[in-house]
Amino acid sequence: MTITINGASRHLAAPMTVDELLAELRLRRELVAVELNRRLVRRFDFGNQLVAAGDQLEIVEFVGGG
């Protein structure tokens, strides 16, 4: 199945949760904000929210600095 992440197409072997996708992308769940099909996904829901074929995600990673 194909999804879009930050404007780029990506193939997934099967549907997965946002948590599983973040793990595959090697992103720390506590350092990102995720929008799925133009709706913000609460961090509390990452483990329950499925990503399916055709979904569009925007993932923003927070970076510290000064």
N, C-alpha and C. Protein backbone atom coordinates (compact mmCIF):
# COMPACT_ATOMS: atom_id res chain seq x y z
N MET A 1 0.84 -1.17 0.00
CA MET A 1 0.00 0.00 0.00
C MET A 1 0.89 1.24 0.00
N THR A 2 0.36 2.31 -0.54
CA THR A 2 1.13 3.54 -0.65
C THR A 2 0.48 4.64 0.18
N ILE A 3 1.32 5.36 0.93
CA ILE A 3 0.89 6.52 1.69
C ILE A 3 1.79 7.69 1.29
N THR A 4 1.44 8.87 1.75
CA THR A 4 2.28 10.05 1.50
C THR A 4 2.70 10.63 2.84
N ILE A 5 4.02 10.81 3.00
CA ILE A 5 4.57 11.41 4.21
C ILE A 5 5.33 12.67 3.82
N ASN A 6 4.87 13.80 4.33
CA ASN A 6 5.50 15.09 4.05
C ASN A 6 5.70 15.30 2.55
N GLY A 7 4.70 14.91 1.77
CA GLY A 7 4.72 15.12 0.32
C GLY A 7 5.41 14.05 -0.49
N ALA A 8 6.02 13.06 0.14
CA ALA A 8 6.73 11.99 -0.57
C ALA A 8 5.98 10.67 -0.43
N SER A 9 5.87 9.94 -1.53
CA SER A 9 5.21 8.63 -1.49
C SER A 9 6.09 7.62 -0.79
N ARG A 10 5.44 6.73 -0.05
CA ARG A 10 6.15 5.67 0.66
C ARG A 10 5.30 4.41 0.62
N HIS A 11 5.93 3.29 0.37
CA HIS A 11 5.22 2.01 0.30
C HIS A 11 5.33 1.30 1.65
N LEU A 12 4.19 0.80 2.12
CA LEU A 12 4.14 -0.01 3.34
C LEU A 12 3.62 -1.39 2.96
N ALA A 13 4.15 -2.41 3.61
CA ALA A 13 3.73 -3.78 3.31
C ALA A 13 2.31 -4.05 3.79
N ALA A 14 1.91 -3.38 4.88
CA ALA A 14 0.58 -3.62 5.45
C ALA A 14 0.18 -2.41 6.27
N PRO A 15 -1.12 -2.30 6.58
CA PRO A 15 -1.55 -1.21 7.47
C PRO A 15 -0.82 -1.31 8.81
N MET A 16 -0.57 -0.17 9.42
CA MET A 16 0.10 -0.14 10.72
C MET A 16 -0.38 1.07 11.49
N THR A 17 -0.09 1.08 12.78
CA THR A 17 -0.47 2.22 13.61
C THR A 17 0.54 3.35 13.41
N VAL A 18 0.17 4.52 13.87
CA VAL A 18 1.10 5.65 13.82
C VAL A 18 2.35 5.31 14.63
N ASP A 19 2.20 4.70 15.80
CA ASP A 19 3.35 4.28 16.62
C ASP A 19 4.29 3.37 15.83
N GLU A 20 3.72 2.38 15.15
CA GLU A 20 4.55 1.45 14.37
C GLU A 20 5.25 2.17 13.23
N LEU A 21 4.56 3.10 12.59
CA LEU A 21 5.17 3.86 11.51
C LEU A 21 6.33 4.71 12.03
N LEU A 22 6.12 5.38 13.15
CA LEU A 22 7.19 6.19 13.74
C LEU A 22 8.40 5.32 14.08
N ALA A 23 8.16 4.13 14.60
CA ALA A 23 9.26 3.21 14.92
C ALA A 23 10.01 2.83 13.64
N GLU A 24 9.27 2.56 12.58
CA GLU A 24 9.90 2.21 11.29
C GLU A 24 10.73 3.37 10.75
N LEU A 25 10.26 4.58 10.98
CA LEU A 25 10.97 5.78 10.52
C LEU A 25 12.07 6.21 11.49
N ARG A 26 12.17 5.49 12.62
CA ARG A 26 13.15 5.78 13.67
C ARG A 26 12.98 7.19 14.23
N LEU A 27 11.72 7.54 14.48
CA LEU A 27 11.38 8.82 15.08
C LEU A 27 10.83 8.58 16.49
N ARG A 28 11.23 9.40 17.42
CA ARG A 28 10.75 9.27 18.80
C ARG A 28 9.39 9.93 18.93
N ARG A 29 8.42 9.16 19.39
CA ARG A 29 7.03 9.62 19.46
C ARG A 29 6.86 10.87 20.30
N GLU A 30 7.70 11.04 21.32
CA GLU A 30 7.55 12.21 22.18
C GLU A 30 8.14 13.48 21.56
N LEU A 31 8.81 13.34 20.41
CA LEU A 31 9.43 14.50 19.77
C LEU A 31 8.80 14.86 18.43
N VAL A 32 7.59 14.34 18.16
CA VAL A 32 6.95 14.63 16.87
C VAL A 32 5.50 15.05 17.06
N ALA A 33 5.02 15.74 16.05
CA ALA A 33 3.59 16.01 15.90
C ALA A 33 3.18 15.34 14.59
N VAL A 34 2.02 14.69 14.60
CA VAL A 34 1.56 13.97 13.41
C VAL A 34 0.18 14.46 13.00
N GLU A 35 0.07 14.77 11.72
CA GLU A 35 -1.21 15.13 11.13
C GLU A 35 -1.55 14.04 10.12
N LEU A 36 -2.72 13.46 10.25
CA LEU A 36 -3.18 12.40 9.36
C LEU A 36 -4.41 12.88 8.62
N ASN A 37 -4.29 12.98 7.31
CA ASN A 37 -5.39 13.46 6.48
C ASN A 37 -5.95 14.80 6.99
N ARG A 38 -5.01 15.70 7.29
CA ARG A 38 -5.30 17.07 7.71
C ARG A 38 -5.92 17.19 9.11
N ARG A 39 -5.79 16.12 9.91
CA ARG A 39 -6.28 16.15 11.30
C ARG A 39 -5.13 15.78 12.22
N LEU A 40 -4.95 16.57 13.26
CA LEU A 40 -3.90 16.30 14.22
C LEU A 40 -4.22 15.03 15.00
N VAL A 41 -3.23 14.14 15.12
CA VAL A 41 -3.39 12.91 15.90
C VAL A 41 -2.79 13.17 17.28
N ARG A 42 -3.59 12.97 18.32
CA ARG A 42 -3.09 13.14 19.68
C ARG A 42 -2.09 12.03 20.00
N ARG A 43 -1.03 12.38 20.69
CA ARG A 43 0.00 11.40 21.04
C ARG A 43 -0.62 10.20 21.75
N PHE A 44 -1.63 10.44 22.55
CA PHE A 44 -2.35 9.38 23.26
C PHE A 44 -2.93 8.35 22.28
N ASP A 45 -3.26 8.77 21.06
CA ASP A 45 -3.88 7.90 20.07
C ASP A 45 -2.91 7.25 19.09
N PHE A 46 -1.62 7.53 19.19
CA PHE A 46 -0.64 6.97 18.24
C PHE A 46 -0.71 5.45 18.15
N GLY A 47 -0.94 4.77 19.27
CA GLY A 47 -0.98 3.32 19.28
C GLY A 47 -2.26 2.72 18.73
N ASN A 48 -3.31 3.54 18.59
CA ASN A 48 -4.60 3.04 18.10
C ASN A 48 -4.93 3.51 16.69
N GLN A 49 -4.32 4.60 16.26
CA GLN A 49 -4.66 5.18 14.96
C GLN A 49 -3.97 4.42 13.83
N LEU A 50 -4.77 3.79 12.98
CA LEU A 50 -4.21 3.05 11.84
C LEU A 50 -3.92 3.98 10.68
N VAL A 51 -2.84 3.67 9.97
CA VAL A 51 -2.49 4.34 8.73
C VAL A 51 -2.84 3.36 7.61
N ALA A 52 -3.62 3.82 6.64
CA ALA A 52 -4.11 2.94 5.58
C ALA A 52 -3.71 3.48 4.21
N ALA A 53 -3.91 2.67 3.20
CA ALA A 53 -3.58 3.05 1.83
C ALA A 53 -4.22 4.38 1.46
N GLY A 54 -3.41 5.24 0.84
CA GLY A 54 -3.89 6.53 0.38
C GLY A 54 -3.83 7.64 1.42
N ASP A 55 -3.52 7.30 2.67
CA ASP A 55 -3.45 8.32 3.72
C ASP A 55 -2.31 9.29 3.45
N GLN A 56 -2.53 10.53 3.89
CA GLN A 56 -1.51 11.56 3.78
C GLN A 56 -1.13 12.01 5.18
N LEU A 57 0.15 11.96 5.48
CA LEU A 57 0.65 12.36 6.79
C LEU A 57 1.64 13.50 6.67
N GLU A 58 1.59 14.36 7.65
CA GLU A 58 2.63 15.38 7.84
C GLU A 58 3.21 15.08 9.21
N ILE A 59 4.51 14.91 9.26
CA ILE A 59 5.20 14.60 10.51
C ILE A 59 6.24 15.69 10.75
N VAL A 60 6.12 16.35 11.88
CA VAL A 60 7.05 17.41 12.24
C VAL A 60 7.83 16.96 13.47
N GLU A 61 9.15 17.02 13.37
CA GLU A 61 10.00 16.62 14.49
C GLU A 61 10.49 17.87 15.20
N PHE A 62 10.32 17.88 16.52
CA PHE A 62 10.78 19.01 17.33
C PHE A 62 12.27 18.90 17.57
N VAL A 63 12.96 20.03 17.45
CA VAL A 63 14.39 20.07 17.63
C VAL A 63 14.72 21.14 18.64
N GLY A 64 15.51 20.80 19.63
CA GLY A 64 15.92 21.78 20.64
C GLY A 64 17.09 22.61 20.13
N GLY A 65 17.27 23.72 20.73
CA GLY A 65 18.40 24.56 20.32
C GLY A 65 18.36 25.87 21.08
N GLY A 66 19.24 26.72 20.69
CA GLY A 66 19.24 27.98 21.39
C GLY A 66 19.99 29.04 20.64
